[in-house]
Amino acid sequence: MKKIIQDYIKEELAQEIQPSFRAKQIYNWVYHKHADSFEEMANLPKSMRSELAEQFELHPLVQVSKQESRDGSIKYLFRLHDGHTVEAVLLLMKEVQYHEDGTLKHHRRYTVCISSQVGCKVGCAFCLTAKGGFIRNLSAGEIVDQVLEIYKDQGIPSNHRVNLVYMGMGEPLDNLDNVAKAVKIFSDMDGMSISPNRQTISTSGLSSKIERLGKMDLGINLAISLHAVDDELRERLMPINKAYNIASIMEAVRNFPVNQRKKVLFEYLVIKDVNDDLNAAKKLVKLLNGVKAKVNLIYFNPYPGTEFQRPEPEDMRKFQEYLLSKGVLCTIRESKGLDISAACGQLREQKLSEGVGR
């Protein structure tokens, strides 16, 4: 099997390819010019282009499906070399804006949500990805190529700033080495130039690996998928809580290096009649005492066969208002892609039932 070019940080590629300065040129072709083949790399000798084509795979993913929402969100399904499939989502956060004189104020602003594994080990009760179990980790190149393929599909310029969130399929910290490598490749100035402070790793709370991530000092943002304020409910929703309980997560968070201008994001999936009352809000405020925290309330996004229901908007507002009244920064995430297979794993599950991928 050929090696994946996107699996290499620039310094590693410079050791693989001689003379080493060619690594920077290749990075430019892959990440800035979005080359589809080594033959396009005109400033490389013809013999080198042939050798690269024999040894390396340029794009390890193939787009097999995409669904577009009325709100501009697009969900992608990609097939890997072994036939398995993973999802990524492009979220349109702000439309292009112009000044009164017609000059550009800012480009469209996007967030890209990417997967780190095929399937997931965590087994959250509310997550469709968990239903298919865990298959394997993605390589760094398979993580990176999700964004490259979306850039190419949408014609997004290489210098266009986007936010990246590692919260698609899989638990990022369960594949920490490859995720950390992807962070470095994305942030390389000769690569995609996506600053670490525009990259957020979202975890279900693997405390020991939060500590390891902190020691790597990558400069990324940390998001904790909390979803419950006591261990009993969290174990029901997220069985991993038996191994990594709330107390251990909060200790790891308190030790995590946070940029002075940043906060740790706590994601709280709100489920009707499960964790949406004011008693839960009060416990959450107590739990976050002394932590530089921001809470993101998320509407549960129902999918066929789930036992859980979407909360009422009024209950979401009351929850938010209580947190704000106690000095906790809190936002309600605007639901995206409700008219498409928006729940994580839903498009993959749908296509698997149609015989697409594995």
Protein backbone atom coordinates (compact mmCIF):
# COMPACT_ATOMS: atom_id res chain seq x y z
CA MET A 1 0.00 0.00 0.00
CA LYS A 2 1.22 3.51 -0.84
CA LYS A 3 2.12 5.98 1.88
CA ILE A 4 -0.19 8.99 2.39
CA ILE A 5 1.54 12.30 1.71
CA GLN A 6 -0.67 14.11 4.26
CA ASP A 7 0.52 11.75 7.00
CA TYR A 8 3.79 13.69 7.14
CA ILE A 9 4.57 16.91 8.93
CA LYS A 10 6.89 19.00 6.78
CA GLU A 11 10.04 18.04 8.70
CA GLU A 12 9.28 14.34 8.28
CA LEU A 13 8.64 14.79 4.57
CA ALA A 14 11.98 16.58 4.25
CA GLN A 15 13.68 13.44 5.62
CA GLU A 16 11.80 11.20 3.15
CA ILE A 17 12.47 13.30 0.05
CA GLN A 18 15.82 14.55 -1.22
CA PRO A 19 16.81 17.28 -1.64
CA SER A 20 14.90 18.31 1.48
CA PHE A 21 13.80 21.73 0.16
CA ARG A 22 11.38 19.89 -2.13
CA ALA A 23 9.19 19.16 0.92
CA LYS A 24 8.19 22.82 1.14
CA GLN A 25 7.34 22.86 -2.57
CA ILE A 26 5.21 19.75 -2.22
CA TYR A 27 3.44 21.24 0.80
CA ASN A 28 2.65 24.30 -1.32
CA TRP A 29 1.15 22.17 -4.09
CA VAL A 30 -0.89 20.03 -1.72
CA TYR A 31 -2.15 22.62 0.76
CA HIS A 32 -2.15 25.90 -1.17
CA LYS A 33 -2.75 24.92 -4.78
CA HIS A 34 -4.86 21.84 -3.97
CA ALA A 35 -3.12 19.69 -6.58
CA ASP A 36 -4.99 16.56 -7.66
CA SER A 37 -1.88 14.72 -8.91
CA PHE A 38 1.88 14.79 -8.58
CA GLU A 39 2.06 15.44 -12.33
CA GLU A 40 0.66 18.95 -11.69
CA MET A 41 3.69 19.86 -9.55
CA ALA A 42 5.48 21.61 -12.40
CA ASN A 43 8.48 22.90 -10.42
CA LEU A 44 9.51 19.34 -9.47
CA PRO A 45 11.69 17.30 -11.84
CA LYS A 46 9.69 14.88 -13.97
CA SER A 47 11.57 11.89 -12.53
CA MET A 48 10.69 13.01 -8.98
CA ARG A 49 7.02 13.36 -9.90
CA SER A 50 7.01 9.79 -11.20
CA GLU A 51 8.77 8.48 -8.07
CA LEU A 52 6.31 10.32 -5.81
CA ALA A 53 3.34 8.88 -7.71
CA GLU A 54 4.75 5.38 -7.26
CA GLN A 55 5.37 5.79 -3.52
CA PHE A 56 2.66 8.13 -2.25
CA GLU A 57 -1.10 8.50 -2.26
CA LEU A 58 -2.10 12.14 -2.71
CA HIS A 59 -5.74 11.97 -1.64
CA PRO A 60 -6.69 9.05 0.66
CA LEU A 61 -10.39 9.99 0.73
CA VAL A 62 -13.06 9.78 -1.95
CA GLN A 63 -16.29 11.74 -1.61
CA VAL A 64 -19.21 9.34 -1.95
CA SER A 65 -22.10 11.53 -0.83
CA LYS A 66 -23.01 14.97 0.41
CA GLN A 67 -26.18 16.56 1.68
CA GLU A 68 -26.81 20.31 1.59
CA SER A 69 -29.05 22.09 4.06
CA ARG A 70 -31.13 25.20 3.46
CA ASP A 71 -29.00 26.97 6.08
CA GLY A 72 -25.79 26.40 4.08
CA SER A 73 -24.52 23.43 6.11
CA ILE A 74 -23.11 20.56 4.08
CA LYS A 75 -22.54 17.04 5.40
CA TYR A 76 -19.96 14.94 3.55
CA LEU A 77 -19.42 11.20 3.53
CA PHE A 78 -15.93 10.04 2.51
CA ARG A 79 -14.75 6.52 1.67
CA LEU A 80 -11.33 5.38 2.90
CA HIS A 81 -8.89 3.00 1.16
CA ASP A 82 -10.33 0.01 3.02
CA GLY A 83 -13.94 0.80 2.09
CA HIS A 84 -14.96 2.22 5.47
CA THR A 85 -16.63 5.63 5.56
CA VAL A 86 -16.41 8.74 7.74
CA GLU A 87 -18.31 12.00 7.94
CA ALA A 88 -17.30 15.67 8.01
CA VAL A 89 -19.51 18.76 8.12
CA LEU A 90 -19.05 22.26 6.72
CA LEU A 91 -20.99 24.82 8.74
CA LEU A 92 -21.63 28.27 7.27
CA MET A 93 -21.34 30.61 10.26
CA LYS A 94 -21.54 34.02 8.53
CA GLU A 95 -22.28 35.08 5.00
CA VAL A 96 -19.92 37.32 3.03
CA GLN A 97 -20.30 41.01 3.98
CA TYR A 98 -19.40 44.23 2.18
CA HIS A 99 -18.85 47.82 3.29
CA GLU A 100 -21.19 50.54 2.04
CA ASP A 101 -18.67 51.47 -0.69
CA GLY A 102 -18.82 47.90 -2.02
CA THR A 103 -15.44 46.78 -0.70
CA LEU A 104 -15.16 43.44 1.05
CA LYS A 105 -15.71 43.52 4.81
CA HIS A 106 -15.15 39.80 5.35
CA HIS A 107 -15.39 36.53 3.44
CA ARG A 108 -17.80 33.78 4.32
CA ARG A 109 -16.92 32.30 7.67
CA TYR A 110 -16.92 28.56 8.13
CA THR A 111 -16.47 25.93 10.81
CA VAL A 112 -15.42 22.45 9.67
CA CYS A 113 -16.29 19.53 11.93
CA ILE A 114 -14.01 16.55 11.29
CA SER A 115 -13.83 12.89 12.33
CA SER A 116 -10.89 11.21 14.04
CA GLN A 117 -12.03 7.56 14.03
CA VAL A 118 -14.19 5.13 12.09
CA GLY A 119 -16.84 4.50 14.71
CA CYS A 120 -16.23 5.16 18.39
CA LYS A 121 -15.41 3.24 21.59
CA VAL A 122 -17.14 5.63 23.97
CA GLY A 123 -20.69 4.34 23.42
CA CYS A 124 -22.76 7.41 24.35
CA ALA A 125 -26.44 6.49 24.61
CA PHE A 126 -27.55 9.49 22.55
CA CYS A 127 -25.01 9.15 19.70
CA LEU A 128 -25.71 7.28 16.47
CA THR A 129 -21.98 6.79 15.74
CA ALA A 130 -21.77 4.53 18.79
CA LYS A 131 -24.33 2.11 17.36
CA GLY A 132 -21.83 0.76 14.82
CA GLY A 133 -19.07 0.24 17.39
CA PHE A 134 -15.38 1.08 16.93
CA ILE A 135 -13.52 0.01 13.78
CA ARG A 136 -10.21 1.88 13.64
CA ASN A 137 -8.34 5.14 14.13
CA LEU A 138 -7.86 7.54 11.24
CA SER A 139 -4.30 8.42 10.27
CA ALA A 140 -3.23 12.07 10.43
CA GLY A 141 -3.52 12.24 6.64
CA GLU A 142 -7.06 10.89 6.67
CA ILE A 143 -8.00 13.57 9.20
CA VAL A 144 -6.31 16.34 7.21
CA ASP A 145 -7.71 15.27 3.86
CA GLN A 146 -11.30 15.76 5.09
CA VAL A 147 -10.66 19.50 5.18
CA LEU A 148 -8.70 19.52 1.92
CA GLU A 149 -11.52 17.73 0.09
CA ILE A 150 -14.08 20.21 1.45
CA TYR A 151 -11.89 23.17 0.42
CA LYS A 152 -11.61 21.74 -3.09
CA ASP A 153 -15.31 20.91 -3.37
CA GLN A 154 -16.38 24.39 -2.28
CA GLY A 155 -13.57 26.35 -3.94
CA ILE A 156 -12.44 27.76 -0.58
CA PRO A 157 -9.12 29.63 -1.04
CA SER A 158 -6.15 28.21 0.87
CA ASN A 159 -5.69 31.49 2.78
CA HIS A 160 -9.33 31.58 3.89
CA ARG A 161 -9.56 31.35 7.67
CA VAL A 162 -11.79 28.63 9.05
CA ASN A 163 -12.38 27.14 12.47
CA LEU A 164 -11.75 23.42 12.91
CA VAL A 165 -13.54 21.28 15.46
CA TYR A 166 -12.48 17.70 16.16
CA MET A 167 -15.94 16.53 17.14
CA GLY A 168 -17.19 14.39 14.25
CA MET A 169 -17.11 10.61 14.45
CA GLY A 170 -14.86 9.20 17.16
CA GLU A 171 -13.15 10.33 20.36
CA PRO A 172 -10.15 12.53 19.40
CA LEU A 173 -8.16 11.79 22.55
CA ASP A 174 -8.50 8.07 21.87
CA ASN A 175 -6.42 8.79 18.75
CA LEU A 176 -4.28 11.49 20.31
CA ASP A 177 -1.00 10.97 18.44
CA ASN A 178 -2.61 11.25 15.00
CA VAL A 179 -4.87 14.13 16.07
CA ALA A 180 -1.86 16.03 17.47
CA LYS A 181 -0.01 15.44 14.20
CA ALA A 182 -3.00 16.76 12.24
CA VAL A 183 -3.03 19.90 14.42
CA LYS A 184 0.61 20.55 13.46
CA ILE A 185 -0.01 19.92 9.74
CA PHE A 186 -3.04 22.22 9.69
CA SER A 187 -1.16 24.98 11.50
CA ASP A 188 2.05 24.86 9.42
CA MET A 189 2.48 28.19 7.59
CA ASP A 190 3.49 26.26 4.46
CA GLY A 191 0.46 24.04 4.99
CA MET A 192 -3.09 25.24 5.62
CA SER A 193 -2.07 28.00 8.06
CA ILE A 194 -4.97 27.28 10.40
CA SER A 195 -3.75 28.62 13.73
CA PRO A 196 -4.03 26.27 16.73
CA ASN A 197 -6.25 28.85 18.42
CA ARG A 198 -8.76 28.21 15.63
CA GLN A 199 -8.70 24.47 16.34
CA THR A 200 -10.83 22.89 19.07
CA ILE A 201 -10.46 19.34 20.33
CA SER A 202 -13.72 18.08 21.80
CA THR A 203 -13.49 15.14 24.19
CA SER A 204 -15.92 13.05 26.19
CA GLY A 205 -13.54 13.49 29.09
CA LEU A 206 -10.60 11.06 29.07
CA SER A 207 -8.93 12.73 32.05
CA SER A 208 -5.49 11.11 31.75
CA LYS A 209 -5.34 12.02 28.07
CA ILE A 210 -6.52 15.59 28.76
CA GLU A 211 -3.43 15.81 30.99
CA ARG A 212 -1.23 14.38 28.23
CA LEU A 213 -2.73 16.79 25.69
CA GLY A 214 -2.00 19.67 28.05
CA LYS A 215 1.66 18.65 28.31
CA MET A 216 1.92 18.67 24.49
CA ASP A 217 1.14 22.42 24.68
CA LEU A 218 -0.27 22.55 21.15
CA GLY A 219 -2.07 25.83 21.77
CA ILE A 220 -5.46 24.41 20.80
CA ASN A 221 -8.83 25.03 22.46
CA LEU A 222 -10.35 22.36 24.68
CA ALA A 223 -14.02 21.40 24.72
CA ILE A 224 -15.51 18.94 27.20
CA SER A 225 -18.65 17.01 26.26
CA LEU A 226 -20.18 17.05 29.75
CA HIS A 227 -23.95 16.55 29.19
CA ALA A 228 -24.70 15.71 32.84
CA VAL A 229 -23.88 17.19 36.24
CA ASP A 230 -23.81 14.03 38.37
CA ASP A 231 -22.09 10.70 37.86
CA GLU A 232 -25.29 8.63 37.98
CA LEU A 233 -26.89 10.36 34.98
CA ARG A 234 -23.59 10.73 33.15
CA GLU A 235 -22.92 6.99 33.43
CA ARG A 236 -26.36 6.36 31.93
CA LEU A 237 -25.69 8.72 29.04
CA MET A 238 -21.94 8.11 28.72
CA PRO A 239 -20.69 4.74 30.04
CA ILE A 240 -17.10 6.03 29.84
CA ASN A 241 -17.90 8.01 32.99
CA LYS A 242 -17.27 4.80 34.97
CA ALA A 243 -13.60 5.07 34.02
CA TYR A 244 -13.36 8.87 33.93
CA ASN A 245 -15.81 10.38 36.40
CA ILE A 246 -16.74 14.05 36.60
CA ALA A 247 -14.33 14.80 39.48
CA SER A 248 -11.34 13.44 37.51
CA ILE A 249 -12.37 15.44 34.43
CA MET A 250 -12.66 18.69 36.40
CA GLU A 251 -9.25 18.12 37.99
CA ALA A 252 -7.67 17.59 34.55
CA VAL A 253 -9.41 20.71 33.22
CA ARG A 254 -8.14 22.84 36.10
CA ASN A 255 -4.58 21.78 35.23
CA PHE A 256 -4.98 22.33 31.48
CA PRO A 257 -3.00 25.29 30.03
CA VAL A 258 -5.54 27.83 28.80
CA ASN A 259 -4.67 30.97 26.86
CA GLN A 260 -5.46 34.03 29.00
CA ARG A 261 -8.04 35.20 26.47
CA LYS A 262 -9.64 31.77 26.16
CA LYS A 263 -11.98 29.60 28.18
CA VAL A 264 -12.56 25.86 28.34
CA LEU A 265 -15.77 25.11 26.49
CA PHE A 266 -18.24 22.79 28.18
CA GLU A 267 -20.69 21.26 25.74
CA TYR A 268 -24.00 20.36 27.31
CA LEU A 269 -26.38 18.39 25.11
CA VAL A 270 -29.85 19.23 26.39
CA ILE A 271 -32.35 16.34 26.29
CA LYS A 272 -36.00 16.84 27.12
CA ASP A 273 -36.96 15.68 30.63
CA VAL A 274 -33.47 14.22 31.18
CA ASN A 275 -31.09 17.09 31.97
CA ASP A 276 -33.01 20.25 31.10
CA ASP A 277 -34.34 21.51 34.45
CA LEU A 278 -33.14 24.32 36.71
CA ASN A 279 -31.86 21.85 39.31
CA ALA A 280 -29.33 20.63 36.72
CA ALA A 281 -28.43 24.24 35.91
CA LYS A 282 -27.74 24.94 39.60
CA LYS A 283 -25.47 21.87 39.89
CA LEU A 284 -23.62 22.92 36.73
CA VAL A 285 -22.85 26.36 38.17
CA LYS A 286 -21.46 24.74 41.32
CA LEU A 287 -19.39 22.29 39.27
CA LEU A 288 -17.77 25.06 37.21
CA ASN A 289 -16.86 27.23 40.18
CA GLY A 290 -13.28 28.50 39.79
CA VAL A 291 -12.90 27.32 36.17
CA LYS A 292 -12.48 29.68 33.20
CA ALA A 293 -15.50 28.21 31.49
CA LYS A 294 -17.98 28.84 28.74
CA VAL A 295 -21.05 26.63 28.41
CA ASN A 296 -22.53 25.79 25.04
CA LEU A 297 -26.07 24.45 25.30
CA ILE A 298 -26.88 22.13 22.40
CA TYR A 299 -30.32 20.99 21.30
CA PHE A 300 -30.49 17.21 21.07
CA ASN A 301 -30.88 16.41 17.37
CA PRO A 302 -33.26 13.39 17.11
CA TYR A 303 -32.67 10.53 14.70
CA PRO A 304 -34.78 7.46 13.85
CA GLY A 305 -34.90 4.92 16.67
CA THR A 306 -33.65 7.15 19.50
CA GLU A 307 -35.46 7.20 22.85
CA PHE A 308 -34.51 10.85 23.48
CA GLN A 309 -36.38 14.01 22.50
CA ARG A 310 -35.48 17.56 21.56
CA PRO A 311 -35.95 20.02 24.47
CA GLU A 312 -38.40 22.91 24.44
CA PRO A 313 -36.90 26.31 23.47
CA GLU A 314 -38.36 27.84 26.63
CA ASP A 315 -36.51 25.34 28.83
CA MET A 316 -33.28 26.08 26.94
CA ARG A 317 -33.73 29.81 27.56
CA LYS A 318 -34.44 29.32 31.27
CA PHE A 319 -31.34 27.14 31.61
CA GLN A 320 -29.22 29.75 29.84
CA GLU A 321 -30.66 32.66 31.81
CA TYR A 322 -29.90 30.96 35.12
CA LEU A 323 -26.26 30.36 34.16
CA LEU A 324 -25.86 33.94 32.94
CA SER A 325 -27.41 35.27 36.16
CA LYS A 326 -24.69 33.43 38.08
CA GLY A 327 -21.89 34.88 35.95
CA VAL A 328 -21.30 31.81 33.75
CA LEU A 329 -20.87 32.67 30.08
CA CYS A 330 -23.46 30.59 28.25
CA THR A 331 -24.64 30.38 24.66
CA ILE A 332 -27.25 28.27 22.89
CA ARG A 333 -25.84 26.66 19.79
CA GLU A 334 -27.93 27.40 16.77
CA SER A 335 -29.09 24.11 15.30
CA LYS A 336 -27.72 23.46 11.84
CA GLY A 337 -28.73 21.01 9.15
CA LEU A 338 -32.06 19.94 10.63
CA ASP A 339 -33.39 19.19 7.13
CA ILE A 340 -30.54 16.77 6.32
CA SER A 341 -28.87 13.81 8.09
CA ALA A 342 -27.35 16.18 10.63
CA ALA A 343 -26.91 13.92 13.66
CA CYS A 344 -23.36 12.59 13.89
CA GLY A 345 -23.15 9.23 12.13
CA GLN A 346 -26.59 9.55 10.54
CA LEU A 347 -25.47 9.93 6.91
CA ARG A 348 -22.98 7.07 7.30
CA GLU A 349 -25.67 4.84 8.82
CA GLN A 350 -28.08 5.74 6.04
CA LYS A 351 -25.56 4.90 3.31
CA LEU A 352 -24.48 1.67 5.02
CA SER A 353 -28.10 0.52 4.85
CA GLU A 354 -27.99 1.26 1.12
CA GLY A 355 -24.80 -0.80 0.70
CA VAL A 356 -22.43 2.17 0.41
CA GLY A 357 -19.16 1.67 2.31
CA ARG A 358 -18.51 -0.51 5.33
